[in-house]
Amino acid sequence: MKRAALGVLILILVALPTFAQKPAITGARCVSLEHVRDGWRMEIKCDQSKGSIVMLDSQRYVGEGVFADASQLELKAFYLSLIPKADSNLETIQLG
């Protein structure tokens, strides 16, 4: 009886991560991009929630909020895809 219970427990622990997939993040948009100590912090608003990604000067990424469990590759891909483009429709106000 103990062996059967142990076998089922091991099967559950091994199979559970393969079935538990993270929901896709949709509608992500950069709200702000600011220089912080040791890197750049991007605030991101998504359809699901909000979060932030910090790109450290060491080229390492730290996710917070909805991005807390993301891998380095996922964080880098999101960060780079949301950086404002140089030829965007950003209007600057010229004073003086």
C-alpha atoms as a PDB file:
ATOM      1  CA  MET A   1       0.000   0.000   0.000  1.00  0.00           C
ATOM      2  CA  LYS A   2       2.803   2.414   0.893  1.00  0.00           C
ATOM      3  CA  ARG A   3       4.582   1.691  -2.391  1.00  0.00           C
ATOM      4  CA  ALA A   4       1.468   2.458  -4.419  1.00  0.00           C
ATOM      5  CA  ALA A   5       0.894   5.728  -2.581  1.00  0.00           C
ATOM      6  CA  LEU A   6       4.545   6.681  -3.013  1.00  0.00           C
ATOM      7  CA  GLY A   7       4.366   5.826  -6.727  1.00  0.00           C
ATOM      8  CA  VAL A   8       1.267   7.995  -7.205  1.00  0.00           C
ATOM      9  CA  LEU A   9       2.891  10.870  -5.295  1.00  0.00           C
ATOM     10  CA  ILE A  10       6.024  10.713  -7.459  1.00  0.00           C
ATOM     11  CA  LEU A  11       3.916  10.569 -10.616  1.00  0.00           C
ATOM     12  CA  ILE A  12       1.949  13.636  -9.529  1.00  0.00           C
ATOM     13  CA  LEU A  13       5.089  15.588  -8.666  1.00  0.00           C
ATOM     14  CA  VAL A  14       6.675  14.763 -12.014  1.00  0.00           C
ATOM     15  CA  ALA A  15       3.584  15.238 -14.207  1.00  0.00           C
ATOM     16  CA  LEU A  16       2.192  18.385 -12.588  1.00  0.00           C
ATOM     17  CA  PRO A  17       4.781  20.847 -13.940  1.00  0.00           C
ATOM     18  CA  THR A  18       4.245  19.604 -17.481  1.00  0.00           C
ATOM     19  CA  PHE A  19       0.506  20.313 -17.298  1.00  0.00           C
ATOM     20  CA  ALA A  20       0.793  23.629 -15.476  1.00  0.00           C
ATOM     21  CA  GLN A  21       1.473  26.165 -18.191  1.00  0.00           C
ATOM     22  CA  LYS A  22       1.643  29.875 -17.608  1.00  0.00           C
ATOM     23  CA  PRO A  23      -1.088  31.915 -19.255  1.00  0.00           C
ATOM     24  CA  ALA A  24       0.106  33.984 -22.196  1.00  0.00           C
ATOM     25  CA  ILE A  25       0.723  37.659 -21.515  1.00  0.00           C
ATOM     26  CA  THR A  26      -1.313  39.740 -23.933  1.00  0.00           C
ATOM     27  CA  GLY A  27      -1.622  43.442 -24.630  1.00  0.00           C
ATOM     28  CA  ALA A  28       1.737  44.335 -23.107  1.00  0.00           C
ATOM     29  CA  ARG A  29       2.729  47.993 -23.451  1.00  0.00           C
ATOM     30  CA  CYS A  30       5.519  50.056 -21.956  1.00  0.00           C
ATOM     31  CA  VAL A  31       4.191  52.619 -19.480  1.00  0.00           C
ATOM     32  CA  SER A  32       7.522  54.094 -18.442  1.00  0.00           C
ATOM     33  CA  LEU A  33      11.235  53.554 -18.903  1.00  0.00           C
ATOM     34  CA  GLU A  34      13.551  55.079 -16.353  1.00  0.00           C
ATOM     35  CA  HIS A  35      17.173  54.835 -15.327  1.00  0.00           C
ATOM     36  CA  VAL A  36      17.588  53.373 -11.861  1.00  0.00           C
ATOM     37  CA  ARG A  37      20.615  52.397  -9.856  1.00  0.00           C
ATOM     38  CA  ASP A  38      22.505  49.662 -11.765  1.00  0.00           C
ATOM     39  CA  GLY A  39      20.155  49.524 -14.751  1.00  0.00           C
ATOM     40  CA  TRP A  40      16.957  50.476 -16.546  1.00  0.00           C
ATOM     41  CA  ARG A  41      13.453  49.806 -15.211  1.00  0.00           C
ATOM     42  CA  MET A  42      10.515  49.348 -17.574  1.00  0.00           C
ATOM     43  CA  GLU A  43       7.002  49.519 -16.138  1.00  0.00           C
ATOM     44  CA  ILE A  44       4.664  47.354 -18.209  1.00  0.00           C
ATOM     45  CA  LYS A  45       0.885  47.179 -18.261  1.00  0.00           C
ATOM     46  CA  CYS A  46      -0.785  44.045 -19.659  1.00  0.00           C
ATOM     47  CA  ASP A  47      -4.327  42.799 -20.134  1.00  0.00           C
ATOM     48  CA  GLN A  48      -3.843  40.421 -17.196  1.00  0.00           C
ATOM     49  CA  SER A  49      -2.051  42.693 -14.727  1.00  0.00           C
ATOM     50  CA  LYS A  50       0.993  44.901 -14.491  1.00  0.00           C
ATOM     51  CA  GLY A  51       4.633  44.370 -13.721  1.00  0.00           C
ATOM     52  CA  SER A  52       8.117  45.560 -14.451  1.00  0.00           C
ATOM     53  CA  ILE A  53      11.369  44.335 -15.891  1.00  0.00           C
ATOM     54  CA  VAL A  54      14.708  45.733 -14.794  1.00  0.00           C
ATOM     55  CA  MET A  55      17.657  45.330 -17.147  1.00  0.00           C
ATOM     56  CA  LEU A  56      20.731  45.456 -14.985  1.00  0.00           C
ATOM     57  CA  ASP A  57      24.029  46.843 -16.233  1.00  0.00           C
ATOM     58  CA  SER A  58      25.346  43.261 -16.085  1.00  0.00           C
ATOM     59  CA  GLN A  59      22.869  42.343 -18.894  1.00  0.00           C
ATOM     60  CA  ARG A  60      20.767  40.337 -16.422  1.00  0.00           C
ATOM     61  CA  TYR A  61      17.006  40.818 -16.182  1.00  0.00           C
ATOM     62  CA  VAL A  62      14.805  40.894 -13.082  1.00  0.00           C
ATOM     63  CA  GLY A  63      11.040  40.531 -13.385  1.00  0.00           C
ATOM     64  CA  GLU A  64       8.441  41.786 -10.918  1.00  0.00           C
ATOM     65  CA  GLY A  65       4.673  41.391 -10.777  1.00  0.00           C
ATOM     66  CA  VAL A  66       3.329  39.373 -13.691  1.00  0.00           C
ATOM     67  CA  PHE A  67       6.938  38.790 -14.851  1.00  0.00           C
ATOM     68  CA  ALA A  68       8.200  37.415 -11.511  1.00  0.00           C
ATOM     69  CA  ASP A  69       8.381  33.774 -12.676  1.00  0.00           C
ATOM     70  CA  ALA A  70       9.686  34.421 -16.195  1.00  0.00           C
ATOM     71  CA  SER A  71      13.025  33.074 -17.390  1.00  0.00           C
ATOM     72  CA  GLN A  72      15.925  35.280 -18.458  1.00  0.00           C
ATOM     73  CA  LEU A  73      15.152  34.587 -22.136  1.00  0.00           C
ATOM     74  CA  GLU A  74      11.487  35.527 -21.724  1.00  0.00           C
ATOM     75  CA  LEU A  75      12.353  38.703 -19.810  1.00  0.00           C
ATOM     76  CA  LYS A  76      14.904  39.747 -22.425  1.00  0.00           C
ATOM     77  CA  ALA A  77      12.451  39.115 -25.273  1.00  0.00           C
ATOM     78  CA  PHE A  78       9.680  41.153 -23.604  1.00  0.00           C
ATOM     79  CA  TYR A  79      12.039  43.972 -22.661  1.00  0.00           C
ATOM     80  CA  LEU A  80      13.563  44.315 -26.118  1.00  0.00           C
ATOM     81  CA  SER A  81      10.200  44.097 -27.876  1.00  0.00           C
ATOM     82  CA  LEU A  82       8.738  46.924 -25.777  1.00  0.00           C
ATOM     83  CA  ILE A  83      11.580  49.450 -26.000  1.00  0.00           C
ATOM     84  CA  PRO A  84      10.218  52.586 -27.731  1.00  0.00           C
ATOM     85  CA  LYS A  85      11.500  52.827 -31.295  1.00  0.00           C
ATOM     86  CA  ALA A  86      13.497  55.850 -32.433  1.00  0.00           C
ATOM     87  CA  ASP A  87      11.103  56.485 -35.311  1.00  0.00           C
ATOM     88  CA  SER A  88       7.945  56.254 -33.187  1.00  0.00           C
ATOM     89  CA  ASN A  89       5.291  58.973 -33.230  1.00  0.00           C
ATOM     90  CA  LEU A  90       6.653  60.555 -30.105  1.00  0.00           C
ATOM     91  CA  GLU A  91       6.019  64.295 -30.034  1.00  0.00           C
ATOM     92  CA  THR A  92       8.441  66.561 -28.275  1.00  0.00           C
ATOM     93  CA  ILE A  93       7.591  70.051 -27.146  1.00  0.00           C
ATOM     94  CA  GLN A  94      10.170  72.668 -28.030  1.00  0.00           C
ATOM     95  CA  LEU A  95      10.290  75.473 -25.539  1.00  0.00           C
ATOM     96  CA  GLY A  96      11.902  78.821 -25.973  1.00  0.00           C
END
